[in-house]
Protein backbone atom coordinates (compact mmCIF):
# COMPACT_ATOMS: atom_id res chain seq x y z
CA MET A 1 32.05 17.47 -11.99
CA GLY A 2 33.02 20.82 -12.55
CA THR A 3 29.54 22.22 -13.22
CA LEU A 4 28.34 20.43 -10.74
CA SER A 5 30.30 21.83 -8.26
CA LYS A 6 29.83 25.31 -9.49
CA ASN A 7 26.03 24.79 -9.13
CA VAL A 8 26.45 23.57 -5.61
CA ARG A 9 28.14 26.98 -4.64
CA LYS A 10 26.14 29.02 -6.57
CA TYR A 11 22.43 27.59 -5.43
CA TRP A 12 23.85 26.13 -2.02
CA GLN A 13 20.40 27.24 -0.24
CA LEU A 14 18.42 25.13 -2.38
CA TYR A 15 21.01 21.78 -2.09
CA ALA A 16 21.10 22.54 1.51
CA PHE A 17 17.52 21.15 1.51
CA LEU A 18 18.17 17.99 0.03
CA VAL A 19 20.58 17.27 2.73
CA PRO A 20 17.93 15.85 5.69
CA ALA A 21 16.22 13.80 2.65
CA LEU A 22 19.66 12.32 1.65
CA ALA A 23 20.46 11.74 5.18
CA TYR A 24 17.32 10.04 6.10
CA PHE A 25 17.44 7.37 3.11
CA ILE A 26 21.03 6.98 3.35
CA ILE A 27 20.77 6.00 7.46
CA PHE A 28 17.73 4.26 7.31
CA HIS A 29 17.62 2.46 3.70
CA TYR A 30 21.04 2.17 2.68
CA ILE A 31 23.16 1.43 5.57
CA PRO A 32 20.92 -1.36 6.71
CA ILE A 33 21.68 -3.28 3.13
CA TYR A 34 24.76 -4.38 5.09
CA GLY A 35 22.75 -6.47 7.48
CA ALA A 36 20.98 -8.39 5.00
CA GLN A 37 23.92 -10.69 4.74
CA ILE A 38 22.85 -11.89 7.87
CA ALA A 39 20.18 -13.97 5.75
CA PHE A 40 22.87 -16.32 4.50
CA LYS A 41 24.31 -16.54 7.77
CA ASN A 42 23.62 -18.38 11.02
CA TYR A 43 23.62 -15.25 13.18
CA SER A 44 24.67 -14.74 16.60
CA ALA A 45 24.13 -11.42 18.40
CA VAL A 46 27.44 -12.75 20.39
CA LYS A 47 29.26 -13.17 17.51
CA GLY A 48 28.20 -10.24 15.33
CA ILE A 49 27.80 -10.12 11.66
CA TRP A 50 31.12 -10.71 10.62
CA GLY A 51 31.83 -13.35 13.41
CA SER A 52 28.44 -15.59 12.23
CA ALA A 53 29.05 -18.73 10.13
CA TRP A 54 28.23 -18.78 6.17
CA ILE A 55 25.36 -21.24 5.53
CA GLY A 56 24.70 -20.19 2.12
CA PHE A 57 20.02 -20.79 1.02
CA ASP A 58 19.73 -22.54 4.30
CA HIS A 59 17.14 -20.22 5.28
CA PHE A 60 15.33 -19.85 2.01
CA GLU A 61 15.21 -23.70 1.63
CA ARG A 62 13.73 -23.93 5.30
CA PHE A 63 10.90 -21.11 4.67
CA PHE A 64 9.92 -22.75 0.75
CA ASN A 65 9.93 -25.93 2.12
CA SER A 66 7.99 -25.18 5.16
CA TYR A 67 4.39 -26.15 5.07
CA TYR A 68 3.46 -22.65 6.04
CA PHE A 69 4.87 -21.15 3.12
CA TRP A 70 1.94 -21.89 0.61
CA LEU A 71 -0.70 -20.45 3.00
CA LEU A 72 1.42 -17.05 3.73
CA LEU A 73 2.25 -16.69 -0.32
CA LYS A 74 -1.63 -17.34 -0.84
CA ASN A 75 -3.18 -14.99 1.79
CA THR A 76 -0.69 -12.54 0.61
CA LEU A 77 -1.45 -12.59 -2.61
CA GLN A 78 -4.94 -12.71 -2.35
CA ILE A 79 -4.88 -9.27 -0.42
CA ASN A 80 -2.92 -7.63 -2.69
CA LEU A 81 -4.72 -8.85 -5.50
CA PHE A 82 -8.19 -7.57 -4.04
CA GLN A 83 -6.52 -4.21 -3.08
CA LEU A 84 -5.36 -3.90 -6.36
CA ALA A 85 -8.56 -4.60 -8.16
CA LEU A 86 -10.12 -1.47 -5.91
CA PHE A 87 -7.36 0.79 -7.31
CA PRO A 88 -10.05 2.88 -9.88
CA VAL A 89 -11.97 3.52 -6.72
CA SER A 90 -9.94 6.66 -5.97
CA ILE A 91 -9.84 7.73 -9.69
CA ILE A 92 -13.84 7.59 -9.49
CA VAL A 93 -13.98 9.08 -6.58
CA ALA A 94 -11.62 12.24 -7.69
CA LEU A 95 -13.45 12.28 -11.25
CA SER A 96 -16.91 12.58 -9.24
CA ILE A 97 -15.43 15.24 -6.64
CA HIS A 98 -14.24 17.41 -9.68
CA GLU A 99 -17.54 17.14 -11.37
CA VAL A 100 -19.03 18.43 -8.33
CA THR A 101 -20.22 22.22 -9.24
CA ARG A 102 -22.03 23.42 -5.82
CA ALA A 103 -18.41 24.49 -3.81
CA ARG A 104 -20.09 23.98 -0.32
CA PHE A 105 -21.44 20.31 -1.27
CA LYS A 106 -17.38 19.93 -2.81
CA ARG A 107 -16.16 20.62 0.51
CA LEU A 108 -18.37 18.52 2.42
CA VAL A 109 -17.83 15.42 0.31
CA GLN A 110 -13.89 16.23 0.21
CA LEU A 111 -14.13 16.51 4.22
CA VAL A 112 -16.35 13.22 4.72
CA THR A 113 -13.88 11.43 2.19
CA TYR A 114 -10.74 12.68 3.55
CA ALA A 115 -11.69 12.58 7.50
CA PRO A 116 -11.01 8.95 7.47
CA HIS A 117 -7.07 8.95 6.78
CA PHE A 118 -6.35 10.90 9.76
CA ILE A 119 -7.96 8.44 12.25
CA SER A 120 -5.06 6.15 13.47
CA VAL A 121 -5.10 2.41 12.59
CA VAL A 122 -5.41 1.29 16.23
CA VAL A 123 -8.54 3.14 16.25
CA ILE A 124 -9.91 1.93 12.94
CA SER A 125 -9.53 -1.59 13.98
CA GLY A 126 -11.22 -0.67 17.62
CA MET A 127 -13.82 0.65 15.28
CA ILE A 128 -14.19 -2.52 13.28
CA LEU A 129 -14.09 -4.87 16.27
CA VAL A 130 -16.77 -2.75 17.79
CA PHE A 131 -19.16 -2.57 14.74
CA LEU A 132 -18.54 -6.11 14.28
CA ASP A 133 -19.13 -7.80 17.67
CA PRO A 134 -21.50 -10.50 17.30
CA SER A 135 -23.56 -9.64 20.32
CA SER A 136 -23.52 -5.78 20.25
CA GLY A 137 -22.03 -4.46 17.28
CA ILE A 138 -24.42 -2.00 15.05
CA VAL A 139 -23.77 -4.63 12.32
CA ASN A 140 -25.19 -7.70 13.81
CA THR A 141 -28.14 -5.57 15.45
CA ILE A 142 -29.12 -4.38 11.94
CA ILE A 143 -28.85 -8.17 10.62
CA LYS A 144 -30.93 -9.47 13.73
CA ALA A 145 -33.53 -6.59 13.59
CA LEU A 146 -34.03 -7.71 9.95
CA GLY A 147 -34.64 -11.42 11.03
CA GLY A 148 -31.28 -13.06 10.47
CA ASP A 149 -28.97 -14.78 12.61
CA PRO A 150 -25.66 -12.73 14.27
CA VAL A 151 -22.38 -13.50 12.13
CA SER A 152 -19.38 -13.47 14.07
CA PHE A 153 -17.23 -11.88 11.21
CA ILE A 154 -14.10 -11.43 13.24
CA THR A 155 -13.12 -15.14 13.76
CA GLU A 156 -14.76 -16.65 10.19
CA PRO A 157 -11.68 -17.07 8.47
CA GLY A 158 -14.14 -16.44 5.37
CA TRP A 159 -14.59 -12.61 5.98
CA PHE A 160 -10.86 -11.37 7.06
CA LYS A 161 -9.82 -10.45 3.89
CA SER A 162 -13.19 -8.45 2.85
CA ILE A 163 -13.21 -6.58 6.37
CA TYR A 164 -9.55 -5.98 5.89
CA VAL A 165 -9.17 -4.42 2.33
CA LEU A 166 -12.49 -2.68 2.17
CA SER A 167 -11.96 -0.80 5.58
CA GLY A 168 -8.68 -0.03 4.12
CA GLU A 169 -10.20 1.47 1.00
CA TRP A 170 -12.86 3.24 3.05
CA GLN A 171 -10.19 4.94 5.08
CA ASN A 172 -8.05 6.16 2.44
CA LEU A 173 -9.88 6.40 -0.74
CA GLY A 174 -10.44 10.26 -0.42
CA TRP A 175 -6.86 10.74 0.48
CA GLY A 176 -5.60 8.71 -2.57
CA ALA A 177 -7.93 11.23 -4.83
CA ILE A 178 -6.09 13.89 -3.83
CA ILE A 179 -3.19 13.75 -6.07
CA TYR A 180 -5.61 13.10 -8.90
CA LEU A 181 -7.92 16.01 -8.21
CA ALA A 182 -4.55 17.95 -8.50
CA ALA A 183 -3.60 16.48 -12.02
CA LEU A 184 -7.39 17.09 -13.26
CA ALA A 185 -6.72 20.66 -12.24
CA GLY A 186 -3.72 20.77 -14.24
CA ILE A 187 -5.69 20.15 -17.53
CA ASN A 188 -6.06 23.27 -19.70
CA PRO A 189 -9.70 24.10 -19.35
CA GLU A 190 -9.88 25.70 -22.94
CA LEU A 191 -10.25 21.95 -24.18
CA HIS A 192 -13.81 21.43 -22.43
CA GLU A 193 -14.35 24.71 -23.85
CA ALA A 194 -13.50 23.36 -27.18
CA ALA A 195 -15.53 20.12 -26.54
CA GLN A 196 -18.51 21.92 -25.43
CA ILE A 197 -18.47 24.12 -28.30
CA ASP A 198 -18.30 20.65 -30.42
CA GLY A 199 -21.48 19.17 -28.62
CA ALA A 200 -19.59 16.89 -26.25
CA SER A 201 -21.36 15.67 -23.34
CA ARG A 202 -20.19 15.56 -19.79
CA TRP A 203 -19.35 12.01 -20.03
CA GLN A 204 -17.65 12.28 -23.29
CA ARG A 205 -15.48 15.30 -21.66
CA ILE A 206 -14.51 12.44 -19.01
CA PHE A 207 -13.84 10.00 -21.20
CA HIS A 208 -11.94 11.91 -23.53
CA ILE A 209 -10.30 15.00 -21.74
CA ASN A 210 -10.22 14.30 -18.11
CA ILE A 211 -9.02 10.40 -18.08
CA PRO A 212 -6.52 10.84 -20.64
CA GLY A 213 -5.25 14.11 -18.77
CA ILE A 214 -4.70 12.28 -15.86
CA MET A 215 -3.23 8.85 -17.11
CA PRO A 216 0.39 9.66 -16.69
CA THR A 217 -0.76 10.21 -12.94
CA ILE A 218 -2.51 7.09 -13.23
CA MET A 219 0.43 4.86 -14.38
CA ILE A 220 3.06 6.32 -12.28
CA LEU A 221 0.85 5.42 -8.91
CA PHE A 222 -0.18 2.11 -10.06
CA ILE A 223 3.39 1.36 -10.97
CA LEU A 224 4.23 2.59 -7.40
CA ASN A 225 1.62 0.52 -5.88
CA LEU A 226 3.17 -2.90 -7.63
CA GLY A 227 6.46 -2.19 -6.17
CA SER A 228 5.16 -3.03 -2.74
CA PHE A 229 2.81 -5.47 -4.12
CA MET A 230 4.36 -8.36 -1.51
CA ASN A 231 4.22 -5.86 1.54
CA VAL A 232 0.60 -5.78 3.41
CA GLY A 233 0.34 -3.49 6.24
CA PHE A 234 1.34 -4.97 9.28
CA GLU A 235 -0.48 -3.32 11.78
CA LYS A 236 -4.12 -3.60 11.15
CA ILE A 237 -3.76 -7.35 10.40
CA TYR A 238 -1.84 -7.81 13.49
CA LEU A 239 -4.85 -5.80 15.30
CA LEU A 240 -7.53 -7.85 13.71
CA GLN A 241 -5.95 -11.39 13.80
CA ASN A 242 -6.84 -14.01 16.40
CA PRO A 243 -6.44 -17.76 16.82
CA LEU A 244 -9.79 -18.38 14.65
CA ASN A 245 -8.85 -16.27 11.48
CA MET A 246 -5.28 -17.12 11.36
CA GLU A 247 -6.06 -19.68 8.21
CA SER A 248 -7.16 -16.31 6.41
CA SER A 249 -5.11 -13.73 8.28
CA GLU A 250 -1.45 -14.87 8.54
CA VAL A 251 0.60 -13.08 5.95
CA ILE A 252 4.42 -12.96 5.66
CA GLN A 253 4.74 -10.02 7.54
CA THR A 254 2.92 -11.39 10.32
CA HIS A 255 4.81 -14.41 10.09
CA VAL A 256 8.55 -12.46 10.12
CA TYR A 257 6.99 -10.65 13.71
CA ARG A 258 6.85 -13.48 15.29
CA SER A 259 9.67 -15.32 14.14
CA GLY A 260 11.75 -12.91 14.16
CA LEU A 261 10.99 -10.56 17.38
CA LEU A 262 8.96 -12.92 19.35
CA GLN A 263 11.31 -16.06 18.57
CA ALA A 264 14.43 -14.16 17.98
CA GLN A 265 15.46 -16.14 14.60
CA TYR A 266 16.96 -12.96 13.05
CA SER A 267 18.39 -14.90 10.21
CA TYR A 268 15.39 -16.47 9.24
CA THR A 269 13.08 -14.14 9.11
CA ALA A 270 15.88 -11.57 6.98
CA ALA A 271 16.02 -14.41 4.17
CA ILE A 272 12.03 -14.00 4.32
CA GLY A 273 12.55 -10.37 4.01
CA LEU A 274 15.21 -10.39 1.39
CA PHE A 275 12.75 -13.09 -0.46
CA ASN A 276 9.72 -10.50 -0.39
CA ASN A 277 11.83 -7.24 -1.35
CA LEU A 278 13.51 -9.30 -4.02
CA ILE A 279 9.98 -10.30 -5.23
CA ASN A 280 8.55 -6.51 -5.11
CA PHE A 281 11.76 -5.34 -7.03
CA ALA A 282 11.09 -7.57 -9.99
CA ILE A 283 7.30 -6.68 -10.27
CA LEU A 284 8.54 -3.08 -10.23
CA LEU A 285 11.43 -3.52 -12.93
CA THR A 286 8.71 -5.65 -15.12
CA PHE A 287 5.79 -3.49 -14.88
CA ASN A 288 8.25 -0.07 -15.45
CA ARG A 289 9.30 -1.78 -18.08
CA LEU A 290 6.11 -2.38 -19.74
CA ALA A 291 4.97 1.18 -19.22
CA ARG A 292 8.14 2.83 -20.96
CA ARG A 293 6.34 1.76 -24.14
CA SER A 294 3.67 4.12 -23.39
CA GLY A 295 6.10 6.98 -22.16
CA ASN A 296 4.55 6.79 -18.38
CA SER A 297 7.15 4.95 -16.77
CA LEU A 298 9.17 5.92 -13.54
CA TRP A 299 12.68 5.96 -15.23
């Protein structure tokens, strides 16, 4: 403790940079944990958190026994598994960009792949609705020009998950590749020079130097993705959702919004949120322990 206080006094300027970050996490992440107890109470805004009566696991049982529980769980898991299956795409993009030798073309590719990330979710959702419009959308215009019948993509439940995941991958694949490009830049170029002298092809250098070199980064990002496995982006789903595709688009987050904010069932939705976060936490711990065997875990 004495060493820590001595370091703080000596390097107080550096420790001062930690204050805003610590304040953010304490105010917006740790203090709100106090309110999680309403998941076990019949919360009333008039009585407050302490004045509300304890009811145990009633809200959890209500959610688990509800007719829409399996639908919400199925949709949430399917969307997240679909997104997880596309996890290697950013790695492939990073490896491809890294292998480009022409500087001008490389900058053009980076611009084209990075730009969609800076488009807001509202604009992306609007673009999707316009492009997939059954009467005037560019996709259906092409389908009709080829002799096919127009498809109402947004109102068809079978299309929703593909539209949501693939559009999200298009928007974020370039931005996701930035971290891998930084990791690739840190690989010792002497390894490539030695491999070339030994007659290794470009593919061999990619598989035996580049991929092993960025494997720690891949593992860390994979574990972080699993840590939010049960969380689906609420905004875009809500913007693309309509009564006709609810069978495929209703997920835990949208259900929490409708029940909590629109119907004021605060205790019930707090229970759902706590259940969701506990699953994420369990998945994170499990895969971090498995990754620890390879020496690339978070802790």
